[in-house]
Amino acid sequence: MTKPGQIPVRRGMDRATFESEIVDASLPVVLAGLVADWPIVEAARESSGALAREIRALDAGFRSHVIQGTPAAGGAIF
């Protein structure tokens, strides 16, 4: 069995760079900070209450599944 390689992390990606360097390479990449300015992400940074209010505002009347991990999880939820 081979050991998995590191997935490169890119920040500050613009569309032209994404299309010229990422799409054609057809390799996995983490686009760090891509959605950092989305309202729901900003609410999550503020507090769990602000996040809950933001999610509630998007409620369409269906039951949803939400998973929240601690920073200690390192982004791994399983």
Protein backbone atom coordinates (compact mmCIF):
# COMPACT_ATOMS: atom_id res chain seq x y z
CA MET A 1 0.00 0.00 0.00
CA THR A 2 1.31 3.47 -0.86
CA LYS A 3 1.34 6.33 1.60
CA PRO A 4 -0.99 9.19 0.63
CA GLY A 5 0.72 12.39 -0.47
CA GLN A 6 0.19 15.87 0.83
CA ILE A 7 -2.62 17.84 -0.78
CA PRO A 8 -1.39 21.33 -1.64
CA VAL A 9 -3.09 24.27 0.06
CA ARG A 10 -3.59 27.45 -1.97
CA ARG A 11 -4.80 30.83 -0.71
CA GLY A 12 -5.92 33.96 -2.49
CA MET A 13 -6.94 32.10 -5.63
CA ASP A 14 -8.44 34.17 -8.44
CA ARG A 15 -10.46 32.70 -11.30
CA ALA A 16 -7.71 33.02 -13.93
CA THR A 17 -5.16 31.25 -11.74
CA PHE A 18 -7.70 28.57 -10.82
CA GLU A 19 -8.49 27.88 -14.46
CA SER A 20 -4.88 27.94 -15.66
CA GLU A 21 -3.17 26.08 -12.81
CA ILE A 22 -5.76 24.02 -10.98
CA VAL A 23 -8.35 22.84 -13.50
CA ASP A 24 -5.87 21.59 -16.09
CA ALA A 25 -3.75 19.78 -13.50
CA SER A 26 -6.73 17.60 -12.48
CA LEU A 27 -5.20 17.08 -9.02
CA PRO A 28 -6.75 17.68 -5.59
CA VAL A 29 -6.07 21.01 -3.93
CA VAL A 30 -7.42 22.76 -0.84
CA LEU A 31 -8.61 26.30 -1.63
CA ALA A 32 -8.12 27.77 1.85
CA GLY A 33 -10.22 30.78 2.70
CA LEU A 34 -12.35 30.47 -0.43
CA VAL A 35 -15.62 31.11 1.40
CA ALA A 36 -14.22 33.09 4.35
CA ASP A 37 -16.40 36.10 3.59
CA TRP A 38 -19.68 34.15 3.31
CA PRO A 39 -22.20 35.36 5.91
CA ILE A 40 -22.64 31.90 7.44
CA VAL A 41 -18.86 31.51 7.90
CA GLU A 42 -18.62 34.95 9.51
CA ALA A 43 -21.53 34.06 11.83
CA ALA A 44 -19.81 30.81 12.83
CA ARG A 45 -16.69 32.77 13.78
CA GLU A 46 -18.78 35.10 15.92
CA SER A 47 -20.54 32.46 18.04
CA SER A 48 -22.60 29.30 17.91
CA GLY A 49 -25.68 31.43 18.59
CA ALA A 50 -24.94 33.66 15.58
CA LEU A 51 -24.43 30.55 13.47
CA ALA A 52 -27.76 29.12 14.66
CA ARG A 53 -29.54 32.39 13.76
CA GLU A 54 -27.96 32.39 10.29
CA ILE A 55 -29.01 28.78 9.70
CA ARG A 56 -32.52 29.54 11.00
CA ALA A 57 -32.80 32.41 8.49
CA LEU A 58 -32.22 29.89 5.69
CA ASP A 59 -34.88 27.50 6.99
CA ALA A 60 -37.14 26.18 4.25
CA GLY A 61 -39.16 24.02 6.64
CA PHE A 62 -37.20 20.80 6.10
CA ARG A 63 -35.24 18.90 8.75
CA SER A 64 -31.52 19.30 8.27
CA HIS A 65 -28.46 17.57 9.64
CA VAL A 66 -25.75 19.77 11.11
CA ILE A 67 -22.39 18.58 12.36
CA GLN A 68 -20.19 20.87 14.42
CA GLY A 69 -16.69 19.86 15.41
CA THR A 70 -14.24 21.39 17.81
CA PRO A 71 -10.94 22.86 16.61
CA ALA A 72 -9.24 19.83 18.19
CA ALA A 73 -10.86 17.64 15.49
CA GLY A 74 -8.58 19.30 12.95
CA GLY A 75 -11.36 19.32 10.37
CA ALA A 76 -11.78 15.52 10.51
CA ILE A 77 -15.30 14.38 11.30
CA PHE A 78 -16.05 10.67 11.05
